[in-house]
Amino acid sequence: MNENFEYVIFALISFAMLFVLHKMDKLGGFLKFVGAILLGLGAVVFLCLIMAYPTMWLWNYVMPYLFNVPELTPLRALALVVLTHILIGKSSSTTTKKD
């Protein structure tokens, strides 16, 4: 997959978000609903990028030099973050005891 594909998708969703925010007060009921969905999609993409890029940068800085593995793309870094959360998840090792 072409690495620029992710940037094009992000740019399109960002443009749609800006358009919806600009026209939100002038839209009808159904279009407001579609605009809210586009805005939510843009927020999800933004949060995914916030999670994926630090993982990608750290992986690409360390792992290819230590273990001779290929570099990650942003989409694969996001998949790695999701897989890590599925396998490890949130664990709370501290328990409070109520008397």
N, C-alpha and C. Protein backbone atom coordinates (compact mmCIF):
# COMPACT_ATOMS: atom_id res chain seq x y z
N MET A 1 0.85 -1.18 0.00
CA MET A 1 0.00 0.00 0.00
C MET A 1 0.89 1.24 0.00
N ASN A 2 0.48 2.21 -0.75
CA ASN A 2 1.24 3.44 -0.85
C ASN A 2 1.17 4.20 0.47
N GLU A 3 2.30 4.66 0.97
CA GLU A 3 2.34 5.34 2.26
C GLU A 3 1.61 6.68 2.22
N ASN A 4 1.54 7.31 1.05
CA ASN A 4 0.85 8.59 0.93
C ASN A 4 -0.66 8.44 1.02
N PHE A 5 -1.16 7.23 0.92
CA PHE A 5 -2.60 6.98 1.00
C PHE A 5 -3.17 7.47 2.32
N GLU A 6 -2.45 7.22 3.41
CA GLU A 6 -2.94 7.64 4.73
C GLU A 6 -3.02 9.16 4.82
N TYR A 7 -2.07 9.84 4.22
CA TYR A 7 -2.07 11.30 4.26
C TYR A 7 -3.22 11.88 3.44
N VAL A 8 -3.54 11.25 2.32
CA VAL A 8 -4.65 11.71 1.49
C VAL A 8 -5.97 11.53 2.24
N ILE A 9 -6.15 10.38 2.86
CA ILE A 9 -7.38 10.13 3.64
C ILE A 9 -7.48 11.14 4.78
N PHE A 10 -6.39 11.38 5.49
CA PHE A 10 -6.41 12.34 6.59
C PHE A 10 -6.74 13.74 6.08
N ALA A 11 -6.20 14.12 4.94
CA ALA A 11 -6.47 15.45 4.38
C ALA A 11 -7.93 15.58 3.97
N LEU A 12 -8.50 14.54 3.37
CA LEU A 12 -9.91 14.58 2.97
C LEU A 12 -10.84 14.68 4.18
N ILE A 13 -10.56 13.92 5.20
CA ILE A 13 -11.40 13.97 6.40
C ILE A 13 -11.24 15.31 7.10
N SER A 14 -10.03 15.84 7.13
CA SER A 14 -9.82 17.16 7.74
C SER A 14 -10.57 18.24 6.98
N PHE A 15 -10.53 18.18 5.64
CA PHE A 15 -11.26 19.15 4.84
C PHE A 15 -12.75 19.04 5.09
N ALA A 16 -13.26 17.82 5.17
CA ALA A 16 -14.69 17.63 5.44
C ALA A 16 -15.06 18.18 6.82
N MET A 17 -14.18 17.97 7.81
CA MET A 17 -14.45 18.50 9.15
C MET A 17 -14.52 20.02 9.14
N LEU A 18 -13.57 20.65 8.46
CA LEU A 18 -13.58 22.12 8.40
C LEU A 18 -14.81 22.64 7.68
N PHE A 19 -15.22 21.97 6.60
CA PHE A 19 -16.41 22.37 5.88
C PHE A 19 -17.65 22.25 6.76
N VAL A 20 -17.76 21.14 7.48
CA VAL A 20 -18.92 20.92 8.34
C VAL A 20 -18.95 21.94 9.46
N LEU A 21 -17.81 22.23 10.07
CA LEU A 21 -17.78 23.22 11.14
C LEU A 21 -18.17 24.60 10.63
N HIS A 22 -17.77 24.92 9.42
CA HIS A 22 -18.07 26.23 8.85
C HIS A 22 -19.55 26.37 8.50
N LYS A 23 -20.16 25.28 8.03
CA LYS A 23 -21.55 25.34 7.56
C LYS A 23 -22.56 24.75 8.54
N MET A 24 -22.15 24.41 9.75
CA MET A 24 -23.01 23.68 10.67
C MET A 24 -24.30 24.42 10.99
N ASP A 25 -24.25 25.72 11.17
CA ASP A 25 -25.46 26.44 11.55
C ASP A 25 -26.42 26.62 10.39
N LYS A 26 -25.97 26.45 9.14
CA LYS A 26 -26.82 26.66 7.98
C LYS A 26 -27.40 25.37 7.43
N LEU A 27 -27.03 24.22 7.98
CA LEU A 27 -27.47 22.94 7.45
C LEU A 27 -28.81 22.52 8.03
N GLY A 28 -29.52 21.65 7.28
CA GLY A 28 -30.78 21.10 7.75
C GLY A 28 -30.55 19.97 8.74
N GLY A 29 -31.63 19.32 9.18
CA GLY A 29 -31.54 18.28 10.19
C GLY A 29 -30.70 17.08 9.77
N PHE A 30 -31.00 16.53 8.57
CA PHE A 30 -30.25 15.36 8.12
C PHE A 30 -28.79 15.70 7.85
N LEU A 31 -28.55 16.85 7.26
CA LEU A 31 -27.18 17.24 6.97
C LEU A 31 -26.39 17.54 8.24
N LYS A 32 -27.08 18.01 9.28
CA LYS A 32 -26.39 18.18 10.57
C LYS A 32 -25.95 16.83 11.11
N PHE A 33 -26.81 15.82 10.94
CA PHE A 33 -26.48 14.47 11.38
C PHE A 33 -25.26 13.94 10.62
N VAL A 34 -25.27 14.11 9.29
CA VAL A 34 -24.13 13.67 8.48
C VAL A 34 -22.88 14.45 8.87
N GLY A 35 -23.03 15.74 9.13
CA GLY A 35 -21.90 16.56 9.55
C GLY A 35 -21.34 16.10 10.88
N ALA A 36 -22.22 15.73 11.81
CA ALA A 36 -21.75 15.24 13.10
C ALA A 36 -21.00 13.93 12.94
N ILE A 37 -21.46 13.08 12.02
CA ILE A 37 -20.75 11.82 11.77
C ILE A 37 -19.38 12.10 11.17
N LEU A 38 -19.32 13.02 10.21
CA LEU A 38 -18.02 13.38 9.62
C LEU A 38 -17.09 13.98 10.67
N LEU A 39 -17.64 14.79 11.54
CA LEU A 39 -16.83 15.39 12.59
C LEU A 39 -16.32 14.31 13.55
N GLY A 40 -17.16 13.36 13.88
CA GLY A 40 -16.73 12.25 14.73
C GLY A 40 -15.68 11.39 14.07
N LEU A 41 -15.85 11.14 12.76
CA LEU A 41 -14.86 10.37 12.02
C LEU A 41 -13.51 11.07 12.01
N GLY A 42 -13.54 12.37 11.82
CA GLY A 42 -12.30 13.14 11.84
C GLY A 42 -11.63 13.10 13.19
N ALA A 43 -12.43 13.16 14.25
CA ALA A 43 -11.87 13.09 15.60
C ALA A 43 -11.23 11.72 15.84
N VAL A 44 -11.88 10.66 15.37
CA VAL A 44 -11.33 9.31 15.54
C VAL A 44 -10.01 9.18 14.78
N VAL A 45 -9.98 9.69 13.55
CA VAL A 45 -8.74 9.62 12.77
C VAL A 45 -7.63 10.40 13.46
N PHE A 46 -7.97 11.57 13.99
CA PHE A 46 -6.97 12.38 14.69
C PHE A 46 -6.43 11.64 15.92
N LEU A 47 -7.31 11.04 16.71
CA LEU A 47 -6.87 10.30 17.90
C LEU A 47 -6.04 9.08 17.51
N CYS A 48 -6.41 8.43 16.42
CA CYS A 48 -5.62 7.28 15.97
C CYS A 48 -4.22 7.72 15.56
N LEU A 49 -4.11 8.86 14.91
CA LEU A 49 -2.79 9.36 14.53
C LEU A 49 -1.97 9.73 15.75
N ILE A 50 -2.63 10.29 16.76
CA ILE A 50 -1.92 10.63 18.00
C ILE A 50 -1.36 9.37 18.65
N MET A 51 -2.10 8.26 18.55
CA MET A 51 -1.61 7.01 19.13
C MET A 51 -0.57 6.34 18.25
N ALA A 52 -0.72 6.41 16.94
CA ALA A 52 0.12 5.63 16.03
C ALA A 52 1.49 6.26 15.78
N TYR A 53 1.56 7.57 15.64
CA TYR A 53 2.83 8.18 15.24
C TYR A 53 3.95 8.04 16.28
N PRO A 54 3.70 8.23 17.57
CA PRO A 54 4.81 7.98 18.51
C PRO A 54 5.31 6.54 18.48
N THR A 55 4.37 5.59 18.34
CA THR A 55 4.77 4.19 18.23
C THR A 55 5.61 3.97 16.99
N MET A 56 5.17 4.54 15.86
CA MET A 56 5.91 4.38 14.61
C MET A 56 7.30 4.98 14.71
N TRP A 57 7.40 6.19 15.29
CA TRP A 57 8.70 6.85 15.39
C TRP A 57 9.66 6.06 16.27
N LEU A 58 9.17 5.59 17.41
CA LEU A 58 10.04 4.82 18.30
C LEU A 58 10.47 3.50 17.66
N TRP A 59 9.51 2.82 17.03
CA TRP A 59 9.82 1.55 16.37
C TRP A 59 10.87 1.77 15.28
N ASN A 60 10.63 2.76 14.43
CA ASN A 60 11.53 3.00 13.31
C ASN A 60 12.90 3.52 13.76
N TYR A 61 12.99 4.09 14.94
CA TYR A 61 14.27 4.58 15.46
C TYR A 61 15.09 3.44 16.07
N VAL A 62 14.41 2.50 16.73
CA VAL A 62 15.15 1.49 17.49
C VAL A 62 15.19 0.12 16.81
N MET A 63 14.05 -0.40 16.43
CA MET A 63 13.95 -1.81 16.04
C MET A 63 14.73 -2.20 14.78
N PRO A 64 14.73 -1.41 13.72
CA PRO A 64 15.50 -1.85 12.54
C PRO A 64 17.00 -1.98 12.80
N TYR A 65 17.52 -1.18 13.71
CA TYR A 65 18.95 -1.22 13.99
C TYR A 65 19.32 -2.34 14.96
N LEU A 66 18.39 -2.68 15.86
CA LEU A 66 18.69 -3.74 16.82
C LEU A 66 18.41 -5.13 16.26
N PHE A 67 17.26 -5.30 15.60
CA PHE A 67 16.82 -6.64 15.21
C PHE A 67 16.66 -6.83 13.70
N ASN A 68 17.02 -5.81 12.91
CA ASN A 68 16.94 -5.90 11.45
C ASN A 68 15.52 -6.23 10.97
N VAL A 69 14.54 -5.58 11.54
CA VAL A 69 13.14 -5.73 11.13
C VAL A 69 12.75 -4.54 10.27
N PRO A 70 11.72 -4.69 9.44
CA PRO A 70 11.33 -3.56 8.57
C PRO A 70 10.71 -2.41 9.36
N GLU A 71 10.72 -1.23 8.75
CA GLU A 71 10.11 -0.06 9.38
C GLU A 71 8.60 -0.14 9.29
N LEU A 72 7.92 0.54 10.21
CA LEU A 72 6.47 0.55 10.25
C LEU A 72 5.90 1.73 9.47
N THR A 73 4.72 1.52 8.90
CA THR A 73 3.94 2.62 8.33
C THR A 73 2.96 3.08 9.41
N PRO A 74 2.34 4.23 9.24
CA PRO A 74 1.38 4.68 10.27
C PRO A 74 0.22 3.69 10.49
N LEU A 75 -0.24 3.07 9.42
CA LEU A 75 -1.35 2.12 9.57
C LEU A 75 -0.91 0.87 10.34
N ARG A 76 0.27 0.39 10.08
CA ARG A 76 0.77 -0.78 10.83
C ARG A 76 1.10 -0.42 12.28
N ALA A 77 1.54 0.81 12.51
CA ALA A 77 1.79 1.24 13.89
C ALA A 77 0.47 1.29 14.66
N LEU A 78 -0.59 1.77 14.02
CA LEU A 78 -1.89 1.79 14.67
C LEU A 78 -2.36 0.36 14.96
N ALA A 79 -2.15 -0.55 14.01
CA ALA A 79 -2.51 -1.94 14.23
C ALA A 79 -1.73 -2.53 15.40
N LEU A 80 -0.47 -2.16 15.53
CA LEU A 80 0.35 -2.64 16.65
C LEU A 80 -0.17 -2.10 17.98
N VAL A 81 -0.58 -0.84 18.01
CA VAL A 81 -1.14 -0.25 19.23
C VAL A 81 -2.44 -0.96 19.61
N VAL A 82 -3.31 -1.20 18.63
CA VAL A 82 -4.58 -1.88 18.90
C VAL A 82 -4.33 -3.31 19.38
N LEU A 83 -3.42 -4.01 18.73
CA LEU A 83 -3.10 -5.38 19.14
C LEU A 83 -2.54 -5.42 20.56
N THR A 84 -1.71 -4.45 20.88
CA THR A 84 -1.15 -4.39 22.24
C THR A 84 -2.25 -4.17 23.28
N HIS A 85 -3.19 -3.28 22.95
CA HIS A 85 -4.29 -3.05 23.89
C HIS A 85 -5.20 -4.27 24.03
N ILE A 86 -5.37 -5.01 22.94
CA ILE A 86 -6.19 -6.22 23.03
C ILE A 86 -5.49 -7.28 23.88
N LEU A 87 -4.20 -7.47 23.66
CA LEU A 87 -3.48 -8.53 24.37
C LEU A 87 -3.19 -8.18 25.82
N ILE A 88 -2.81 -6.95 26.08
CA ILE A 88 -2.44 -6.56 27.44
C ILE A 88 -3.61 -5.91 28.15
N GLY A 89 -4.24 -4.96 27.51
CA GLY A 89 -5.38 -4.29 28.10
C GLY A 89 -4.99 -3.45 29.30
N LYS A 90 -6.01 -2.92 29.93
CA LYS A 90 -5.78 -2.14 31.14
C LYS A 90 -5.81 -3.08 32.33
N SER A 91 -4.76 -3.03 33.10
CA SER A 91 -4.74 -3.85 34.30
C SER A 91 -4.44 -2.95 35.49
N SER A 92 -5.22 -3.11 36.51
CA SER A 92 -4.96 -2.32 37.71
C SER A 92 -4.36 -3.25 38.75
N SER A 93 -3.13 -3.01 39.08
CA SER A 93 -2.44 -3.87 40.03
C SER A 93 -2.68 -3.43 41.47
N THR A 94 -3.22 -2.24 41.65
CA THR A 94 -3.49 -1.77 43.00
C THR A 94 -4.95 -2.03 43.34
N THR A 95 -5.14 -2.60 44.48
CA THR A 95 -6.50 -2.84 44.95
C THR A 95 -6.68 -2.12 46.28
N THR A 96 -7.82 -1.56 46.45
CA THR A 96 -8.11 -0.87 47.72
C THR A 96 -9.01 -1.77 48.55
N LYS A 97 -8.73 -1.83 49.79
CA LYS A 97 -9.48 -2.66 50.70
C LYS A 97 -10.34 -1.77 51.58
N LYS A 98 -11.63 -2.01 51.55
CA LYS A 98 -12.55 -1.23 52.39
C LYS A 98 -12.84 -2.01 53.65
N ASP A 99 -12.72 -1.33 54.77
CA ASP A 99 -13.01 -1.99 56.07
C ASP A 99 -14.39 -1.65 56.54
